[in-house]
N, C-alpha and C. Protein backbone atom coordinates (compact mmCIF):
# COMPACT_ATOMS: atom_id res chain seq x y z
N UNK A 1 1.11 -1.06 0.01
CA UNK A 1 0.12 -0.50 0.48
C UNK A 1 0.79 0.79 -0.45
N UNK A 2 0.41 2.34 -0.79
CA UNK A 2 1.26 3.79 -0.67
C UNK A 2 1.05 4.62 -0.16
N UNK A 3 1.42 5.33 0.26
CA UNK A 3 1.29 6.80 0.89
C UNK A 3 -0.02 7.46 0.56
N UNK A 4 -0.77 7.43 -0.35
CA UNK A 4 -1.92 8.57 -1.37
C UNK A 4 -2.53 7.57 -1.88
N UNK A 5 -2.36 5.92 -1.61
CA UNK A 5 -3.27 4.78 -0.96
C UNK A 5 -4.37 5.01 -0.32
N UNK A 6 -3.15 5.70 0.93
CA UNK A 6 -4.82 5.44 1.97
C UNK A 6 -4.65 6.69 2.29
N UNK A 7 -4.07 7.41 1.72
CA UNK A 7 -5.15 9.65 1.83
C UNK A 7 -6.19 8.79 1.36
N UNK A 8 -5.74 8.29 0.25
CA UNK A 8 -7.45 8.77 -0.82
C UNK A 8 -9.03 7.65 -0.08
N UNK A 9 -8.28 6.11 0.20
CA UNK A 9 -9.06 5.07 2.04
C UNK A 9 -9.15 6.26 2.42
N UNK A 10 -8.44 7.14 3.66
CA UNK A 10 -9.33 7.99 4.46
C UNK A 10 -10.69 9.56 4.38
N UNK A 11 -10.07 9.70 2.88
CA UNK A 11 -11.12 9.95 2.79
C UNK A 11 -12.97 10.31 3.13
N UNK A 12 -13.09 9.50 2.83
CA UNK A 12 -14.98 9.07 3.24
C UNK A 12 -14.62 8.78 4.73
N UNK A 13 -13.48 8.63 5.81
CA UNK A 13 -13.40 9.00 7.44
C UNK A 13 -13.70 10.11 7.65
N UNK A 14 -12.81 11.26 7.09
CA UNK A 14 -12.87 11.88 6.88
C UNK A 14 -14.55 13.12 6.44
N UNK A 15 -14.86 12.47 5.24
CA UNK A 15 -16.39 12.82 4.98
C UNK A 15 -17.45 12.05 6.00
N UNK A 16 -17.33 11.46 6.45
CA UNK A 16 -18.39 10.95 7.65
C UNK A 16 -18.38 11.58 8.98
N UNK A 17 -16.94 11.29 10.21
CA UNK A 17 -16.05 11.99 10.72
C UNK A 17 -16.97 13.35 11.36
N UNK A 18 -17.08 14.67 9.90
CA UNK A 18 -17.08 15.66 10.45
C UNK A 18 -18.16 16.09 9.51
N UNK A 19 -19.09 15.42 9.19
CA UNK A 19 -20.42 15.46 7.61
C UNK A 19 -20.63 16.59 6.44
N UNK A 20 -19.09 16.36 6.13
CA UNK A 20 -18.41 17.44 5.43
C UNK A 20 -18.04 16.47 3.98
N UNK A 21 -19.40 16.02 3.10
CA UNK A 21 -18.29 16.01 1.65
C UNK A 21 -18.08 16.37 0.77
N UNK A 22 -17.80 17.82 1.20
CA UNK A 22 -17.23 18.48 0.22
C UNK A 22 -15.11 18.17 1.01
N UNK A 23 -15.14 18.73 2.15
CA UNK A 23 -14.18 18.04 3.11
C UNK A 23 -13.05 17.39 2.12
N UNK A 24 -11.75 18.41 1.57
CA UNK A 24 -10.58 17.36 0.18
C UNK A 24 -9.63 17.58 2.17
N UNK A 25 -9.27 16.53 2.02
CA UNK A 25 -7.68 17.04 3.07
C UNK A 25 -6.80 16.27 2.14
N UNK A 26 -5.44 17.01 2.57
CA UNK A 26 -4.22 17.12 1.71
C UNK A 26 -2.97 16.51 2.94
N UNK A 27 -2.52 16.17 2.58
CA UNK A 27 -1.28 15.91 3.66
C UNK A 27 -1.29 16.97 4.89
N UNK A 28 -0.96 18.13 4.40
CA UNK A 28 -0.94 18.83 5.34
C UNK A 28 -2.25 19.11 6.52
N UNK A 29 -3.40 18.70 6.02
CA UNK A 29 -4.57 19.43 6.94
C UNK A 29 -4.16 18.82 8.34
N UNK A 30 -4.47 19.65 8.38
CA UNK A 30 -4.18 19.24 10.93
C UNK A 30 -6.16 20.29 11.61
N UNK A 31 -6.10 19.39 12.76
CA UNK A 31 -7.46 20.65 13.58
C UNK A 31 -6.94 21.75 13.04
N UNK A 32 -6.75 22.37 12.27
CA UNK A 32 -6.25 24.13 12.46
C UNK A 32 -6.87 24.07 11.32
N UNK A 33 -7.68 23.32 10.41
CA UNK A 33 -8.44 23.82 9.32
C UNK A 33 -9.36 23.52 8.66
N UNK A 34 -9.90 22.53 9.98
CA UNK A 34 -11.34 21.45 10.52
C UNK A 34 -11.40 22.06 11.42
N UNK A 35 -12.82 23.04 11.67
CA UNK A 35 -12.99 23.91 12.44
C UNK A 35 -14.00 22.77 13.94
N UNK A 36 -14.54 21.07 13.23
CA UNK A 36 -15.18 20.67 14.18
C UNK A 36 -14.31 18.98 14.76
N UNK A 37 -13.10 19.50 14.54
CA UNK A 37 -11.76 18.74 14.11
C UNK A 37 -11.10 19.15 16.29
N UNK A 38 -11.84 18.99 17.13
CA UNK A 38 -11.67 18.80 18.29
C UNK A 38 -10.68 17.03 18.70
N UNK A 39 -10.65 16.63 20.16
CA UNK A 39 -10.28 15.41 21.07
C UNK A 39 -11.74 14.14 21.06
N UNK A 40 -12.30 14.59 20.69
CA UNK A 40 -13.70 13.82 19.72
C UNK A 40 -13.20 13.18 18.57
N UNK A 41 -13.44 13.68 17.76
CA UNK A 41 -13.18 14.19 16.45
C UNK A 41 -11.89 13.24 16.51
N UNK A 42 -10.83 13.56 16.54
CA UNK A 42 -9.66 12.69 17.28
C UNK A 42 -9.67 11.18 17.60
N UNK A 43 -10.08 11.18 18.50
CA UNK A 43 -11.05 10.21 18.87
C UNK A 43 -11.28 9.08 17.49
N UNK A 44 -12.67 9.75 16.92
CA UNK A 44 -13.18 9.17 16.25
C UNK A 44 -12.92 8.99 15.21
N UNK A 45 -11.67 9.60 13.99
CA UNK A 45 -11.11 9.39 13.54
C UNK A 45 -9.60 7.76 13.44
N UNK A 46 -9.11 8.07 14.71
CA UNK A 46 -8.40 7.44 15.38
C UNK A 46 -9.34 5.70 14.80
N UNK A 47 -10.38 5.64 15.15
CA UNK A 47 -10.90 4.39 15.58
C UNK A 47 -10.98 3.89 13.95
N UNK A 48 -12.23 4.63 13.47
CA UNK A 48 -11.86 4.54 12.07
C UNK A 48 -11.28 3.51 11.78
N UNK A 49 -9.60 4.12 11.65
CA UNK A 49 -9.02 3.91 11.10
C UNK A 49 -8.44 3.34 11.16
N UNK A 50 -8.59 2.78 12.47
CA UNK A 50 -7.70 0.94 13.15
C UNK A 50 -8.92 0.50 12.57
N UNK A 51 -10.37 0.20 12.27
CA UNK A 51 -11.35 -0.48 11.75
C UNK A 51 -10.40 -1.09 10.04
N UNK A 52 -10.85 1.10 9.68
CA UNK A 52 -10.27 0.33 8.10
C UNK A 52 -8.93 -0.50 7.51
N UNK A 53 -8.02 -0.28 8.30
CA UNK A 53 -6.78 -0.63 8.33
C UNK A 53 -6.29 -2.56 8.86
N UNK A 54 -6.91 -2.43 9.89
CA UNK A 54 -6.97 -3.86 11.30
C UNK A 54 -5.84 -3.53 11.40
N UNK A 55 -5.73 -2.45 12.03
CA UNK A 55 -4.59 -2.21 12.85
C UNK A 55 -4.82 -2.25 14.17
N UNK A 56 -3.95 -1.84 15.34
CA UNK A 56 -4.18 -1.17 16.77
C UNK A 56 -3.31 0.06 16.87
N UNK A 57 -3.49 1.15 17.26
CA UNK A 57 -3.25 2.39 17.36
C UNK A 57 -2.51 2.34 19.04
N UNK A 58 -1.48 2.67 19.90
CA UNK A 58 -1.67 3.23 21.17
C UNK A 58 -0.68 4.43 20.86
N UNK A 59 -0.98 4.64 22.51
CA UNK A 59 -1.57 6.18 22.73
C UNK A 59 -0.52 6.63 22.75
N UNK A 60 1.37 5.95 22.43
CA UNK A 60 2.55 6.30 22.69
C UNK A 60 2.70 6.64 20.74
N UNK A 61 1.45 5.90 19.69
CA UNK A 61 1.31 6.17 18.62
C UNK A 61 0.81 7.56 17.99
N UNK A 62 0.03 7.69 19.11
CA UNK A 62 -1.35 8.97 17.92
C UNK A 62 0.36 10.81 18.43
N UNK A 63 0.80 10.63 20.15
CA UNK A 63 1.32 11.97 20.77
C UNK A 63 1.54 12.54 19.74
N UNK A 64 2.85 12.34 18.56
CA UNK A 64 3.54 14.07 17.48
C UNK A 64 2.45 13.39 16.20
N UNK A 65 1.32 13.18 16.47
CA UNK A 65 0.19 13.58 15.15
C UNK A 65 0.49 14.76 14.84
N UNK A 66 0.54 15.16 13.92
CA UNK A 66 0.40 16.88 13.68
C UNK A 66 -0.38 16.97 12.35
N UNK A 67 -0.16 16.12 11.85
CA UNK A 67 -1.14 15.83 10.45
C UNK A 67 -1.63 15.03 9.58
N UNK A 68 -2.67 15.53 8.78
CA UNK A 68 -3.07 14.57 7.60
C UNK A 68 -2.20 13.49 7.59
N UNK A 69 -0.78 13.77 6.55
CA UNK A 69 0.38 12.88 6.58
C UNK A 69 1.08 12.57 7.34
N UNK A 70 1.54 12.62 8.59
CA UNK A 70 1.82 11.41 9.86
C UNK A 70 0.64 11.00 10.66
N UNK A 71 -0.23 10.82 9.81
CA UNK A 71 -1.43 10.13 10.17
C UNK A 71 -1.27 8.97 9.20
N UNK A 72 -1.36 9.03 8.06
CA UNK A 72 -0.97 8.15 7.16
C UNK A 72 0.13 7.80 6.94
N UNK A 73 1.74 7.89 8.07
CA UNK A 73 2.63 7.37 7.82
C UNK A 73 2.38 6.17 8.80
N UNK A 74 2.06 6.72 10.06
CA UNK A 74 1.54 5.77 10.75
C UNK A 74 0.52 4.50 10.28
N UNK A 75 0.04 4.86 9.51
CA UNK A 75 -0.94 3.49 9.25
C UNK A 75 -0.05 2.57 8.46
N UNK A 76 0.68 3.40 7.44
CA UNK A 76 1.45 2.63 6.60
C UNK A 76 2.50 2.23 7.79
N UNK A 77 2.94 2.43 8.52
CA UNK A 77 4.27 2.29 9.20
C UNK A 77 3.54 0.65 10.39
N UNK A 78 2.77 0.70 10.43
CA UNK A 78 1.12 -0.94 11.16
C UNK A 78 1.30 -1.35 10.56
N UNK A 79 0.44 -1.69 9.49
CA UNK A 79 0.11 -1.99 8.17
C UNK A 79 1.56 -3.15 7.81
N UNK A 80 2.04 -2.25 7.50
CA UNK A 80 3.62 -3.43 7.39
C UNK A 80 4.25 -3.95 8.24
N UNK A 81 3.51 -3.63 9.94
CA UNK A 81 4.52 -4.83 10.67
C UNK A 81 4.01 -6.15 10.56
């Protein structure tokens, strides 16, 4: 799986969590870019990504995430384990 494939695969998750079909995410997208992206939304994003990719994230994994690109790289690291 490649970076762009993961980014494309998580786009619908962001649409669902933020109830916005027009939302387009990029590697640089972060919580400052989406008004509704709060701690609860972050948890929902993580849970949905765990389900989508059949992986498990731990608190240490999530601590340094700064943007969507970091999330994609984390997914790729977990999928390749």
